[in-house]
PDB file of N, CA and C in Angstrom:
ATOM      1  N   MET A   1      10.648 -19.756 -45.012  1.00  0.00           N
ATOM      2  CA  MET A   1      10.530 -18.461 -44.406  1.00  0.00           C
ATOM      3  C   MET A   1       9.079 -18.232 -44.001  1.00  0.00           C
ATOM      4  N   ALA A   2       8.865 -17.907 -42.756  1.00  0.00           N
ATOM      5  CA  ALA A   2       7.514 -17.687 -42.265  1.00  0.00           C
ATOM      6  C   ALA A   2       7.142 -16.227 -42.458  1.00  0.00           C
ATOM      7  N   GLY A   3       6.072 -16.009 -43.165  1.00  0.00           N
ATOM      8  CA  GLY A   3       5.615 -14.651 -43.416  1.00  0.00           C
ATOM      9  C   GLY A   3       4.452 -14.662 -44.367  1.00  0.00           C
ATOM     10  N   PRO A   4       3.968 -13.479 -44.682  1.00  0.00           N
ATOM     11  CA  PRO A   4       2.822 -13.424 -45.590  1.00  0.00           C
ATOM     12  C   PRO A   4       3.196 -13.901 -46.987  1.00  0.00           C
ATOM     13  N   GLU A   5       2.245 -14.572 -47.608  1.00  0.00           N
ATOM     14  CA  GLU A   5       2.476 -15.075 -48.951  1.00  0.00           C
ATOM     15  C   GLU A   5       2.449 -13.922 -49.949  1.00  0.00           C
ATOM     16  N   THR A   6       3.153 -14.078 -51.025  1.00  0.00           N
ATOM     17  CA  THR A   6       3.123 -13.074 -52.075  1.00  0.00           C
ATOM     18  C   THR A   6       2.287 -13.590 -53.222  1.00  0.00           C
ATOM     19  N   ASP A   7       1.849 -12.691 -54.089  1.00  0.00           N
ATOM     20  CA  ASP A   7       1.029 -13.084 -55.234  1.00  0.00           C
ATOM     21  C   ASP A   7       1.796 -13.986 -56.188  1.00  0.00           C
ATOM     22  N   ALA A   8       3.107 -13.901 -56.189  1.00  0.00           N
ATOM     23  CA  ALA A   8       3.913 -14.686 -57.117  1.00  0.00           C
ATOM     24  C   ALA A   8       3.899 -16.182 -56.765  1.00  0.00           C
ATOM     25  N   GLN A   9       3.586 -16.520 -55.527  1.00  0.00           N
ATOM     26  CA  GLN A   9       3.572 -17.918 -55.120  1.00  0.00           C
ATOM     27  C   GLN A   9       2.375 -18.678 -55.679  1.00  0.00           C
ATOM     28  N   PHE A  10       1.327 -17.976 -56.023  1.00  0.00           N
ATOM     29  CA  PHE A  10       0.102 -18.608 -56.488  1.00  0.00           C
ATOM     30  C   PHE A  10      -0.168 -18.189 -57.922  1.00  0.00           C
ATOM     31  N   HIS A  11      -0.615 -19.138 -58.731  1.00  0.00           N
ATOM     32  CA  HIS A  11      -0.951 -18.850 -60.115  1.00  0.00           C
ATOM     33  C   HIS A  11      -2.458 -19.016 -60.290  1.00  0.00           C
ATOM     34  N   PHE A  12      -3.172 -17.898 -60.352  1.00  0.00           N
ATOM     35  CA  PHE A  12      -4.615 -17.918 -60.506  1.00  0.00           C
ATOM     36  C   PHE A  12      -4.992 -17.356 -61.862  1.00  0.00           C
ATOM     37  N   THR A  13      -6.130 -17.781 -62.366  1.00  0.00           N
ATOM     38  CA  THR A  13      -6.633 -17.271 -63.634  1.00  0.00           C
ATOM     39  C   THR A  13      -8.059 -16.775 -63.467  1.00  0.00           C
ATOM     40  N   VAL A  14      -8.451 -15.914 -64.337  1.00  0.00           N
ATOM     41  CA  VAL A  14      -9.791 -15.353 -64.462  1.00  0.00           C
ATOM     42  C   VAL A  14     -10.326 -14.855 -63.118  1.00  0.00           C
ATOM     43  N   ILE A  15     -11.453 -15.376 -62.645  1.00  0.00           N
ATOM     44  CA  ILE A  15     -12.094 -14.836 -61.447  1.00  0.00           C
ATOM     45  C   ILE A  15     -11.340 -15.224 -60.177  1.00  0.00           C
ATOM     46  N   LYS A  16     -10.656 -16.356 -60.190  1.00  0.00           N
ATOM     47  CA  LYS A  16      -9.884 -16.766 -59.018  1.00  0.00           C
ATOM     48  C   LYS A  16      -8.756 -15.794 -58.728  1.00  0.00           C
ATOM     49  N   LYS A  17      -8.336 -15.057 -59.744  1.00  0.00           N
ATOM     50  CA  LYS A  17      -7.263 -14.081 -59.561  1.00  0.00           C
ATOM     51  C   LYS A  17      -7.721 -12.939 -58.648  1.00  0.00           C
ATOM     52  N   HIS A  18      -8.999 -12.589 -58.708  1.00  0.00           N
ATOM     53  CA  HIS A  18      -9.510 -11.461 -57.935  1.00  0.00           C
ATOM     54  C   HIS A  18     -10.183 -11.864 -56.631  1.00  0.00           C
ATOM     55  N   PHE A  19     -10.747 -13.060 -56.589  1.00  0.00           N
ATOM     56  CA  PHE A  19     -11.457 -13.530 -55.403  1.00  0.00           C
ATOM     57  C   PHE A  19     -10.812 -14.821 -54.913  1.00  0.00           C
ATOM     58  N   ASN A  20      -9.801 -14.701 -54.058  1.00  0.00           N
ATOM     59  CA  ASN A  20      -9.161 -15.887 -53.494  1.00  0.00           C
ATOM     60  C   ASN A  20      -8.899 -15.662 -52.017  1.00  0.00           C
ATOM     61  N   SER A  21      -8.644 -16.707 -51.285  1.00  0.00           N
ATOM     62  CA  SER A  21      -8.439 -16.583 -49.845  1.00  0.00           C
ATOM     63  C   SER A  21      -6.963 -16.651 -49.459  1.00  0.00           C
ATOM     64  N   HIS A  22      -6.076 -16.665 -50.435  1.00  0.00           N
ATOM     65  CA  HIS A  22      -4.655 -16.783 -50.141  1.00  0.00           C
ATOM     66  C   HIS A  22      -3.954 -15.441 -50.002  1.00  0.00           C
ATOM     67  N   THR A  23      -4.525 -14.387 -50.545  1.00  0.00           N
ATOM     68  CA  THR A  23      -3.870 -13.079 -50.488  1.00  0.00           C
ATOM     69  C   THR A  23      -4.779 -12.075 -49.799  1.00  0.00           C
ATOM     70  N   LEU A  24      -4.198 -11.051 -49.244  1.00  0.00           N
ATOM     71  CA  LEU A  24      -4.986 -10.012 -48.589  1.00  0.00           C
ATOM     72  C   LEU A  24      -5.881  -9.294 -49.584  1.00  0.00           C
ATOM     73  N   THR A  25      -5.386  -9.066 -50.782  1.00  0.00           N
ATOM     74  CA  THR A  25      -6.184  -8.394 -51.803  1.00  0.00           C
ATOM     75  C   THR A  25      -7.395  -9.245 -52.177  1.00  0.00           C
ATOM     76  N   GLY A  26      -7.208 -10.535 -52.308  1.00  0.00           N
ATOM     77  CA  GLY A  26      -8.313 -11.430 -52.630  1.00  0.00           C
ATOM     78  C   GLY A  26      -9.353 -11.472 -51.543  1.00  0.00           C
ATOM     79  N   ARG A  27      -8.919 -11.510 -50.303  1.00  0.00           N
ATOM     80  CA  ARG A  27      -9.857 -11.499 -49.177  1.00  0.00           C
ATOM     81  C   ARG A  27     -10.607 -10.184 -49.118  1.00  0.00           C
ATOM     82  N   MET A  28      -9.910  -9.081 -49.370  1.00  0.00           N
ATOM     83  CA  MET A  28     -10.546  -7.771 -49.361  1.00  0.00           C
ATOM     84  C   MET A  28     -11.615  -7.691 -50.458  1.00  0.00           C
ATOM     85  N   ASN A  29     -11.319  -8.221 -51.640  1.00  0.00           N
ATOM     86  CA  ASN A  29     -12.292  -8.208 -52.734  1.00  0.00           C
ATOM     87  C   ASN A  29     -13.533  -9.012 -52.387  1.00  0.00           C
ATOM     88  N   CYS A  30     -13.367 -10.132 -51.701  1.00  0.00           N
ATOM     89  CA  CYS A  30     -14.525 -10.938 -51.285  1.00  0.00           C
ATOM     90  C   CYS A  30     -15.394 -10.176 -50.293  1.00  0.00           C
ATOM     91  N   VAL A  31     -14.760  -9.523 -49.342  1.00  0.00           N
ATOM     92  CA  VAL A  31     -15.501  -8.756 -48.341  1.00  0.00           C
ATOM     93  C   VAL A  31     -16.231  -7.589 -48.995  1.00  0.00           C
ATOM     94  N   LEU A  32     -15.550  -6.861 -49.877  1.00  0.00           N
ATOM     95  CA  LEU A  32     -16.177  -5.719 -50.542  1.00  0.00           C
ATOM     96  C   LEU A  32     -17.345  -6.156 -51.421  1.00  0.00           C
ATOM     97  N   ALA A  33     -17.216  -7.259 -52.106  1.00  0.00           N
ATOM     98  CA  ALA A  33     -18.307  -7.755 -52.946  1.00  0.00           C
ATOM     99  C   ALA A  33     -19.514  -8.140 -52.090  1.00  0.00           C
ATOM    100  N   THR A  34     -19.271  -8.743 -50.933  1.00  0.00           N
ATOM    101  CA  THR A  34     -20.352  -9.116 -50.036  1.00  0.00           C
ATOM    102  C   THR A  34     -21.076  -7.884 -49.510  1.00  0.00           C
ATOM    103  N   HIS A  35     -20.313  -6.882 -49.096  1.00  0.00           N
ATOM    104  CA  HIS A  35     -20.914  -5.646 -48.576  1.00  0.00           C
ATOM    105  C   HIS A  35     -21.693  -4.914 -49.662  1.00  0.00           C
ATOM    106  N   ARG A  36     -21.142  -4.845 -50.859  1.00  0.00           N
ATOM    107  CA  ARG A  36     -21.849  -4.184 -51.964  1.00  0.00           C
ATOM    108  C   ARG A  36     -23.162  -4.896 -52.265  1.00  0.00           C
ATOM    109  N   ASN A  37     -23.131  -6.206 -52.289  1.00  0.00           N
ATOM    110  CA  ASN A  37     -24.339  -6.966 -52.569  1.00  0.00           C
ATOM    111  C   ASN A  37     -25.397  -6.721 -51.500  1.00  0.00           C
ATOM    112  N   THR A  38     -24.998  -6.674 -50.250  1.00  0.00           N
ATOM    113  CA  THR A  38     -25.930  -6.423 -49.159  1.00  0.00           C
ATOM    114  C   THR A  38     -26.550  -5.038 -49.275  1.00  0.00           C
ATOM    115  N   VAL A  39     -25.729  -4.031 -49.535  1.00  0.00           N
ATOM    116  CA  VAL A  39     -26.223  -2.654 -49.663  1.00  0.00           C
ATOM    117  C   VAL A  39     -27.167  -2.527 -50.854  1.00  0.00           C
ATOM    118  N   LEU A  40     -26.799  -3.111 -51.985  1.00  0.00           N
ATOM    119  CA  LEU A  40     -27.663  -3.027 -53.169  1.00  0.00           C
ATOM    120  C   LEU A  40     -28.993  -3.735 -52.948  1.00  0.00           C
ATOM    121  N   THR A  41     -28.991  -4.845 -52.234  1.00  0.00           N
ATOM    122  CA  THR A  41     -30.238  -5.553 -51.941  1.00  0.00           C
ATOM    123  C   THR A  41     -31.143  -4.714 -51.047  1.00  0.00           C
ATOM    124  N   VAL A  42     -30.569  -4.103 -50.019  1.00  0.00           N
ATOM    125  CA  VAL A  42     -31.359  -3.251 -49.125  1.00  0.00           C
ATOM    126  C   VAL A  42     -31.910  -2.056 -49.893  1.00  0.00           C
ATOM    127  N   LEU A  43     -31.086  -1.414 -50.713  1.00  0.00           N
ATOM    128  CA  LEU A  43     -31.552  -0.270 -51.494  1.00  0.00           C
ATOM    129  C   LEU A  43     -32.656  -0.665 -52.469  1.00  0.00           C
ATOM    130  N   TYR A  44     -32.531  -1.815 -53.080  1.00  0.00           N
ATOM    131  CA  TYR A  44     -33.549  -2.278 -54.019  1.00  0.00           C
ATOM    132  C   TYR A  44     -34.905  -2.390 -53.338  1.00  0.00           C
ATOM    133  N   PHE A  45     -34.945  -3.025 -52.180  1.00  0.00           N
ATOM    134  CA  PHE A  45     -36.214  -3.222 -51.505  1.00  0.00           C
ATOM    135  C   PHE A  45     -36.752  -1.938 -50.894  1.00  0.00           C
ATOM    136  N   LYS A  46     -35.887  -1.000 -50.536  1.00  0.00           N
ATOM    137  CA  LYS A  46     -36.347   0.269 -49.980  1.00  0.00           C
ATOM    138  C   LYS A  46     -36.875   1.203 -51.068  1.00  0.00           C
ATOM    139  N   LEU A  47     -36.274   1.169 -52.239  1.00  0.00           N
ATOM    140  CA  LEU A  47     -36.607   2.138 -53.274  1.00  0.00           C
ATOM    141  C   LEU A  47     -37.581   1.640 -54.334  1.00  0.00           C
ATOM    142  N   ARG A  48     -37.898   0.357 -54.341  1.00  0.00           N
ATOM    143  CA  ARG A  48     -38.809  -0.128 -55.373  1.00  0.00           C
ATOM    144  C   ARG A  48     -40.201   0.455 -55.134  1.00  0.00           C
ATOM    145  N   SER A  49     -40.958   0.587 -56.194  1.00  0.00           N
ATOM    146  CA  SER A  49     -42.268   1.219 -56.082  1.00  0.00           C
ATOM    147  C   SER A  49     -43.221   0.330 -55.297  1.00  0.00           C
ATOM    148  N   LYS A  50     -44.010   0.963 -54.502  1.00  0.00           N
ATOM    149  CA  LYS A  50     -44.981   0.248 -53.688  1.00  0.00           C
ATOM    150  C   LYS A  50     -46.343   0.381 -54.383  1.00  0.00           C
ATOM    151  N   LYS A  51     -46.888  -0.728 -54.848  1.00  0.00           N
ATOM    152  CA  LYS A  51     -48.164  -0.729 -55.535  1.00  0.00           C
ATOM    153  C   LYS A  51     -49.298  -0.808 -54.518  1.00  0.00           C
ATOM    154  N   THR A  52     -50.344  -0.035 -54.765  1.00  0.00           N
ATOM    155  CA  THR A  52     -51.514  -0.090 -53.886  1.00  0.00           C
ATOM    156  C   THR A  52     -52.426  -1.216 -54.352  1.00  0.00           C
ATOM    157  N   PRO A  53     -53.116  -1.863 -53.440  1.00  0.00           N
ATOM    158  CA  PRO A  53     -54.026  -2.935 -53.835  1.00  0.00           C
ATOM    159  C   PRO A  53     -55.160  -2.384 -54.714  1.00  0.00           C
ATOM    160  N   ALA A  54     -55.520  -3.096 -55.761  1.00  0.00           N
ATOM    161  CA  ALA A  54     -56.502  -2.622 -56.746  1.00  0.00           C
ATOM    162  C   ALA A  54     -57.930  -2.672 -56.207  1.00  0.00           C
ATOM    163  N   GLY A  55     -58.290  -3.579 -55.349  1.00  0.00           N
ATOM    164  CA  GLY A  55     -59.663  -3.750 -54.920  1.00  0.00           C
ATOM    165  C   GLY A  55     -60.063  -2.970 -53.675  1.00  0.00           C
ATOM    166  N   LYS A  56     -59.208  -2.186 -53.126  1.00  0.00           N
ATOM    167  CA  LYS A  56     -59.501  -1.501 -51.879  1.00  0.00           C
ATOM    168  C   LYS A  56     -60.100  -0.122 -52.160  1.00  0.00           C
ATOM    169  N   VAL A  57     -61.351   0.097 -51.756  1.00  0.00           N
ATOM    170  CA  VAL A  57     -62.020   1.376 -51.939  1.00  0.00           C
ATOM    171  C   VAL A  57     -62.532   1.834 -50.575  1.00  0.00           C
ATOM    172  N   THR A  58     -62.241   3.093 -50.232  1.00  0.00           N
ATOM    173  CA  THR A  58     -62.712   3.613 -48.928  1.00  0.00           C
ATOM    174  C   THR A  58     -63.630   4.775 -49.107  1.00  0.00           C
TER     175      THR A  58
END
């Protein structure tokens, strides 16, 4: 039968259960994790404290 695969066809354990390329839910989790990581990286670099150079006197 040609159609979308169901979760019952695949037996995954641990992290493969949530991040796999065989199911729509698994693909969605991979995309969401990638987007979250990108956003957190950008926020980290934007919000981290900016130190002034110690030797600069005007």
